[in-house]
Amino acid sequence: MPVVYDEIVFYGYGEPTKRMDTMLEIAKHIKQLYRKPIRLNTIGLADLIYGYNTAVRLEGFF
């Protein structure tokens, strides 16, 4: 019997937004293929890493 998940979570050691482009590409495919909610667990440093408001890039994915 296949495992069924209620949601997908980007989480791990370090800051997942350090690989923003890769993360968004994967999130896009998850949304298209599986239509599951996606959650991002972050330490909130993306704005400092990139130097701009990154929330705009995350909109529609999470």
PDB file of N, CA and C in Angstrom:
ATOM      1  N   MET A   1       0.840  -1.175   0.000  1.00  0.00           N
ATOM      2  CA  MET A   1       0.000   0.000   0.000  1.00  0.00           C
ATOM      3  C   MET A   1       0.892   1.248   0.000  1.00  0.00           C
ATOM      4  N   PRO A   2       0.635   2.196  -0.907  1.00  0.00           N
ATOM      5  CA  PRO A   2       1.471   3.402  -0.964  1.00  0.00           C
ATOM      6  C   PRO A   2       1.250   4.309   0.246  1.00  0.00           C
ATOM      7  N   VAL A   3       2.295   5.037   0.589  1.00  0.00           N
ATOM      8  CA  VAL A   3       2.214   5.993   1.690  1.00  0.00           C
ATOM      9  C   VAL A   3       1.582   7.277   1.163  1.00  0.00           C
ATOM     10  N   VAL A   4       0.645   7.823   1.909  1.00  0.00           N
ATOM     11  CA  VAL A   4      -0.030   9.055   1.512  1.00  0.00           C
ATOM     12  C   VAL A   4       0.311  10.139   2.532  1.00  0.00           C
ATOM     13  N   TYR A   5       0.760  11.280   2.038  1.00  0.00           N
ATOM     14  CA  TYR A   5       1.120  12.394   2.898  1.00  0.00           C
ATOM     15  C   TYR A   5       0.091  13.506   2.756  1.00  0.00           C
ATOM     16  N   ASP A   6      -0.176  14.203   3.866  1.00  0.00           N
ATOM     17  CA  ASP A   6      -1.123  15.311   3.845  1.00  0.00           C
ATOM     18  C   ASP A   6      -0.489  16.596   3.322  1.00  0.00           C
ATOM     19  N   GLU A   7       0.820  16.756   3.541  1.00  0.00           N
ATOM     20  CA  GLU A   7       1.509  17.959   3.107  1.00  0.00           C
ATOM     21  C   GLU A   7       2.987  17.656   2.891  1.00  0.00           C
ATOM     22  N   ILE A   8       3.652  18.559   2.199  1.00  0.00           N
ATOM     23  CA  ILE A   8       5.092  18.469   1.964  1.00  0.00           C
ATOM     24  C   ILE A   8       5.741  19.614   2.738  1.00  0.00           C
ATOM     25  N   VAL A   9       6.869  19.333   3.404  1.00  0.00           N
ATOM     26  CA  VAL A   9       7.545  20.353   4.197  1.00  0.00           C
ATOM     27  C   VAL A   9       8.997  20.472   3.749  1.00  0.00           C
ATOM     28  N   PHE A  10       9.420  21.693   3.429  1.00  0.00           N
ATOM     29  CA  PHE A  10      10.832  21.972   3.185  1.00  0.00           C
ATOM     30  C   PHE A  10      11.439  22.320   4.530  1.00  0.00           C
ATOM     31  N   TYR A  11      12.327  21.464   4.985  1.00  0.00           N
ATOM     32  CA  TYR A  11      12.906  21.605   6.313  1.00  0.00           C
ATOM     33  C   TYR A  11      14.209  20.839   6.344  1.00  0.00           C
ATOM     34  N   GLY A  12      15.128  21.268   7.141  1.00  0.00           N
ATOM     35  CA  GLY A  12      16.360  20.508   7.251  1.00  0.00           C
ATOM     36  C   GLY A  12      17.387  21.252   8.069  1.00  0.00           C
ATOM     37  N   TYR A  13      18.561  20.700   8.105  1.00  0.00           N
ATOM     38  CA  TYR A  13      19.646  21.349   8.810  1.00  0.00           C
ATOM     39  C   TYR A  13      20.099  22.538   7.976  1.00  0.00           C
ATOM     40  N   GLY A  14      20.195  23.696   8.597  1.00  0.00           N
ATOM     41  CA  GLY A  14      20.552  24.895   7.862  1.00  0.00           C
ATOM     42  C   GLY A  14      19.309  25.639   7.402  1.00  0.00           C
ATOM     43  N   GLU A  15      19.475  26.474   6.442  1.00  0.00           N
ATOM     44  CA  GLU A  15      18.389  27.322   5.940  1.00  0.00           C
ATOM     45  C   GLU A  15      17.969  26.865   4.544  1.00  0.00           C
ATOM     46  N   PRO A  16      16.745  26.328   4.382  1.00  0.00           N
ATOM     47  CA  PRO A  16      16.321  25.825   3.079  1.00  0.00           C
ATOM     48  C   PRO A  16      16.282  26.905   1.999  1.00  0.00           C
ATOM     49  N   THR A  17      16.111  28.160   2.381  1.00  0.00           N
ATOM     50  CA  THR A  17      16.023  29.213   1.371  1.00  0.00           C
ATOM     51  C   THR A  17      17.384  29.584   0.783  1.00  0.00           C
ATOM     52  N   LYS A  18      18.467  29.005   1.293  1.00  0.00           N
ATOM     53  CA  LYS A  18      19.780  29.263   0.702  1.00  0.00           C
ATOM     54  C   LYS A  18      19.841  28.742  -0.732  1.00  0.00           C
ATOM     55  N   ARG A  19      19.002  27.783  -1.037  1.00  0.00           N
ATOM     56  CA  ARG A  19      18.903  27.264  -2.410  1.00  0.00           C
ATOM     57  C   ARG A  19      17.522  27.605  -2.957  1.00  0.00           C
ATOM     58  N   MET A  20      17.227  28.897  -2.953  1.00  0.00           N
ATOM     59  CA  MET A  20      15.897  29.403  -3.313  1.00  0.00           C
ATOM     60  C   MET A  20      15.430  28.904  -4.683  1.00  0.00           C
ATOM     61  N   ASP A  21      16.254  29.038  -5.714  1.00  0.00           N
ATOM     62  CA  ASP A  21      15.824  28.645  -7.062  1.00  0.00           C
ATOM     63  C   ASP A  21      15.484  27.160  -7.139  1.00  0.00           C
ATOM     64  N   THR A  22      16.318  26.333  -6.554  1.00  0.00           N
ATOM     65  CA  THR A  22      16.062  24.886  -6.552  1.00  0.00           C
ATOM     66  C   THR A  22      14.805  24.562  -5.766  1.00  0.00           C
ATOM     67  N   MET A  23      14.652  25.184  -4.604  1.00  0.00           N
ATOM     68  CA  MET A  23      13.488  24.953  -3.755  1.00  0.00           C
ATOM     69  C   MET A  23      12.197  25.329  -4.485  1.00  0.00           C
ATOM     70  N   LEU A  24      12.187  26.473  -5.164  1.00  0.00           N
ATOM     71  CA  LEU A  24      10.984  26.914  -5.873  1.00  0.00           C
ATOM     72  C   LEU A  24      10.679  26.029  -7.071  1.00  0.00           C
ATOM     73  N   GLU A  25      11.704  25.549  -7.744  1.00  0.00           N
ATOM     74  CA  GLU A  25      11.488  24.636  -8.868  1.00  0.00           C
ATOM     75  C   GLU A  25      10.865  23.322  -8.393  1.00  0.00           C
ATOM     76  N   ILE A  26      11.355  22.785  -7.301  1.00  0.00           N
ATOM     77  CA  ILE A  26      10.798  21.560  -6.739  1.00  0.00           C
ATOM     78  C   ILE A  26       9.369  21.792  -6.259  1.00  0.00           C
ATOM     79  N   ALA A  27       9.131  22.913  -5.597  1.00  0.00           N
ATOM     80  CA  ALA A  27       7.780  23.240  -5.113  1.00  0.00           C
ATOM     81  C   ALA A  27       6.799  23.349  -6.278  1.00  0.00           C
ATOM     82  N   LYS A  28       7.241  23.944  -7.368  1.00  0.00           N
ATOM     83  CA  LYS A  28       6.384  24.070  -8.555  1.00  0.00           C
ATOM     84  C   LYS A  28       5.965  22.694  -9.068  1.00  0.00           C
ATOM     85  N   HIS A  29       6.906  21.772  -9.145  1.00  0.00           N
ATOM     86  CA  HIS A  29       6.591  20.420  -9.625  1.00  0.00           C
ATOM     87  C   HIS A  29       5.682  19.675  -8.649  1.00  0.00           C
ATOM     88  N   ILE A  30       5.908  19.849  -7.368  1.00  0.00           N
ATOM     89  CA  ILE A  30       5.045  19.202  -6.369  1.00  0.00           C
ATOM     90  C   ILE A  30       3.614  19.706  -6.523  1.00  0.00           C
ATOM     91  N   LYS A  31       3.451  21.022  -6.669  1.00  0.00           N
ATOM     92  CA  LYS A  31       2.102  21.592  -6.832  1.00  0.00           C
ATOM     93  C   LYS A  31       1.424  21.033  -8.071  1.00  0.00           C
ATOM     94  N   GLN A  32       2.160  20.943  -9.177  1.00  0.00           N
ATOM     95  CA  GLN A  32       1.581  20.464 -10.435  1.00  0.00           C
ATOM     96  C   GLN A  32       1.242  18.979 -10.399  1.00  0.00           C
ATOM     97  N   LEU A  33       2.145  18.180  -9.853  1.00  0.00           N
ATOM     98  CA  LEU A  33       1.969  16.733  -9.902  1.00  0.00           C
ATOM     99  C   LEU A  33       1.080  16.171  -8.799  1.00  0.00           C
ATOM    100  N   TYR A  34       1.216  16.708  -7.599  1.00  0.00           N
ATOM    101  CA  TYR A  34       0.560  16.086  -6.448  1.00  0.00           C
ATOM    102  C   TYR A  34      -0.540  16.927  -5.820  1.00  0.00           C
ATOM    103  N   ARG A  35      -0.544  18.211  -6.110  1.00  0.00           N
ATOM    104  CA  ARG A  35      -1.569  19.113  -5.571  1.00  0.00           C
ATOM    105  C   ARG A  35      -1.701  18.995  -4.047  1.00  0.00           C
ATOM    106  N   LYS A  36      -0.561  18.974  -3.399  1.00  0.00           N
ATOM    107  CA  LYS A  36      -0.506  18.904  -1.934  1.00  0.00           C
ATOM    108  C   LYS A  36      -0.089  20.262  -1.379  1.00  0.00           C
ATOM    109  N   PRO A  37      -0.549  20.596  -0.173  1.00  0.00           N
ATOM    110  CA  PRO A  37      -0.063  21.821   0.462  1.00  0.00           C
ATOM    111  C   PRO A  37       1.429  21.693   0.752  1.00  0.00           C
ATOM    112  N   ILE A  38       2.138  22.801   0.606  1.00  0.00           N
ATOM    113  CA  ILE A  38       3.573  22.819   0.866  1.00  0.00           C
ATOM    114  C   ILE A  38       3.844  23.841   1.964  1.00  0.00           C
ATOM    115  N   ARG A  39       4.676  23.435   2.915  1.00  0.00           N
ATOM    116  CA  ARG A  39       5.027  24.308   4.041  1.00  0.00           C
ATOM    117  C   ARG A  39       6.534  24.508   4.053  1.00  0.00           C
ATOM    118  N   LEU A  40       6.954  25.691   4.456  1.00  0.00           N
ATOM    119  CA  LEU A  40       8.369  26.008   4.561  1.00  0.00           C
ATOM    120  C   LEU A  40       8.705  26.299   6.011  1.00  0.00           C
ATOM    121  N   ASN A  41       9.626  25.526   6.566  1.00  0.00           N
ATOM    122  CA  ASN A  41      10.093  25.747   7.933  1.00  0.00           C
ATOM    123  C   ASN A  41      11.460  26.411   7.812  1.00  0.00           C
ATOM    124  N   THR A  42      11.545  27.680   8.166  1.00  0.00           N
ATOM    125  CA  THR A  42      12.750  28.469   7.954  1.00  0.00           C
ATOM    126  C   THR A  42      13.162  29.186   9.236  1.00  0.00           C
ATOM    127  N   ILE A  43      14.424  29.554   9.297  1.00  0.00           N
ATOM    128  CA  ILE A  43      14.875  30.356  10.436  1.00  0.00           C
ATOM    129  C   ILE A  43      14.735  31.844  10.140  1.00  0.00           C
ATOM    130  N   GLY A  44      14.244  32.168   8.954  1.00  0.00           N
ATOM    131  CA  GLY A  44      13.892  33.540   8.620  1.00  0.00           C
ATOM    132  C   GLY A  44      15.042  34.437   8.200  1.00  0.00           C
ATOM    133  N   LEU A  45      16.115  33.868   7.678  1.00  0.00           N
ATOM    134  CA  LEU A  45      17.266  34.683   7.297  1.00  0.00           C
ATOM    135  C   LEU A  45      17.369  34.942   5.793  1.00  0.00           C
ATOM    136  N   ALA A  46      16.403  34.533   5.029  1.00  0.00           N
ATOM    137  CA  ALA A  46      16.492  34.681   3.573  1.00  0.00           C
ATOM    138  C   ALA A  46      16.664  36.137   3.155  1.00  0.00           C
ATOM    139  N   ASP A  47      15.970  37.057   3.793  1.00  0.00           N
ATOM    140  CA  ASP A  47      16.107  38.468   3.433  1.00  0.00           C
ATOM    141  C   ASP A  47      17.533  38.964   3.665  1.00  0.00           C
ATOM    142  N   LEU A  48      18.152  38.504   4.725  1.00  0.00           N
ATOM    143  CA  LEU A  48      19.543  38.894   4.992  1.00  0.00           C
ATOM    144  C   LEU A  48      20.504  38.249   3.998  1.00  0.00           C
ATOM    145  N   ILE A  49      20.229  37.010   3.613  1.00  0.00           N
ATOM    146  CA  ILE A  49      21.093  36.295   2.674  1.00  0.00           C
ATOM    147  C   ILE A  49      21.050  36.956   1.299  1.00  0.00           C
ATOM    148  N   TYR A  50      19.842  37.284   0.838  1.00  0.00           N
ATOM    149  CA  TYR A  50      19.683  37.796  -0.524  1.00  0.00           C
ATOM    150  C   TYR A  50      19.648  39.321  -0.611  1.00  0.00           C
ATOM    151  N   GLY A  51      19.358  40.000   0.484  1.00  0.00           N
ATOM    152  CA  GLY A  51      19.354  41.454   0.477  1.00  0.00           C
ATOM    153  C   GLY A  51      18.094  42.092  -0.071  1.00  0.00           C
ATOM    154  N   TYR A  52      17.006  41.351  -0.125  1.00  0.00           N
ATOM    155  CA  TYR A  52      15.714  41.906  -0.544  1.00  0.00           C
ATOM    156  C   TYR A  52      14.594  41.103   0.100  1.00  0.00           C
ATOM    157  N   ASN A  53      13.362  41.566  -0.049  1.00  0.00           N
ATOM    158  CA  ASN A  53      12.200  40.900   0.530  1.00  0.00           C
ATOM    159  C   ASN A  53      11.892  39.632  -0.261  1.00  0.00           C
ATOM    160  N   THR A  54      12.280  38.497   0.261  1.00  0.00           N
ATOM    161  CA  THR A  54      12.117  37.224  -0.455  1.00  0.00           C
ATOM    162  C   THR A  54      10.697  36.665  -0.379  1.00  0.00           C
ATOM    163  N   ALA A  55       9.875  37.205   0.489  1.00  0.00           N
ATOM    164  CA  ALA A  55       8.500  36.702   0.617  1.00  0.00           C
ATOM    165  C   ALA A  55       7.747  36.801  -0.703  1.00  0.00           C
ATOM    166  N   VAL A  56       8.078  37.791  -1.499  1.00  0.00           N
ATOM    167  CA  VAL A  56       7.420  37.968  -2.804  1.00  0.00           C
ATOM    168  C   VAL A  56       7.688  36.765  -3.699  1.00  0.00           C
ATOM    169  N   ARG A  57       8.896  36.226  -3.663  1.00  0.00           N
ATOM    170  CA  ARG A  57       9.232  35.060  -4.484  1.00  0.00           C
ATOM    171  C   ARG A  57       8.545  33.795  -3.999  1.00  0.00           C
ATOM    172  N   LEU A  58       8.226  33.727  -2.718  1.00  0.00           N
ATOM    173  CA  LEU A  58       7.620  32.524  -2.128  1.00  0.00           C
ATOM    174  C   LEU A  58       6.109  32.474  -2.330  1.00  0.00           C
ATOM    175  N   GLU A  59       5.517  33.604  -2.634  1.00  0.00           N
ATOM    176  CA  GLU A  59       4.070  33.691  -2.767  1.00  0.00           C
ATOM    177  C   GLU A  59       3.559  32.728  -3.845  1.00  0.00           C
ATOM    178  N   GLY A  60       2.520  31.996  -3.502  1.00  0.00           N
ATOM    179  CA  GLY A  60       1.914  31.050  -4.422  1.00  0.00           C
ATOM    180  C   GLY A  60       2.489  29.646  -4.334  1.00  0.00           C
ATOM    181  N   PHE A  61       3.626  29.490  -3.666  1.00  0.00           N
ATOM    182  CA  PHE A  61       4.237  28.177  -3.538  1.00  0.00           C
ATOM    183  C   PHE A  61       3.922  27.556  -2.169  1.00  0.00           C
ATOM    184  N   PHE A  62       3.940  28.414  -1.120  1.00  0.00           N
ATOM    185  CA  PHE A  62       3.812  27.915   0.244  1.00  0.00           C
ATOM    186  C   PHE A  62       2.586  28.488   0.921  1.00  0.00           C
TER     187      PHE A  62
END
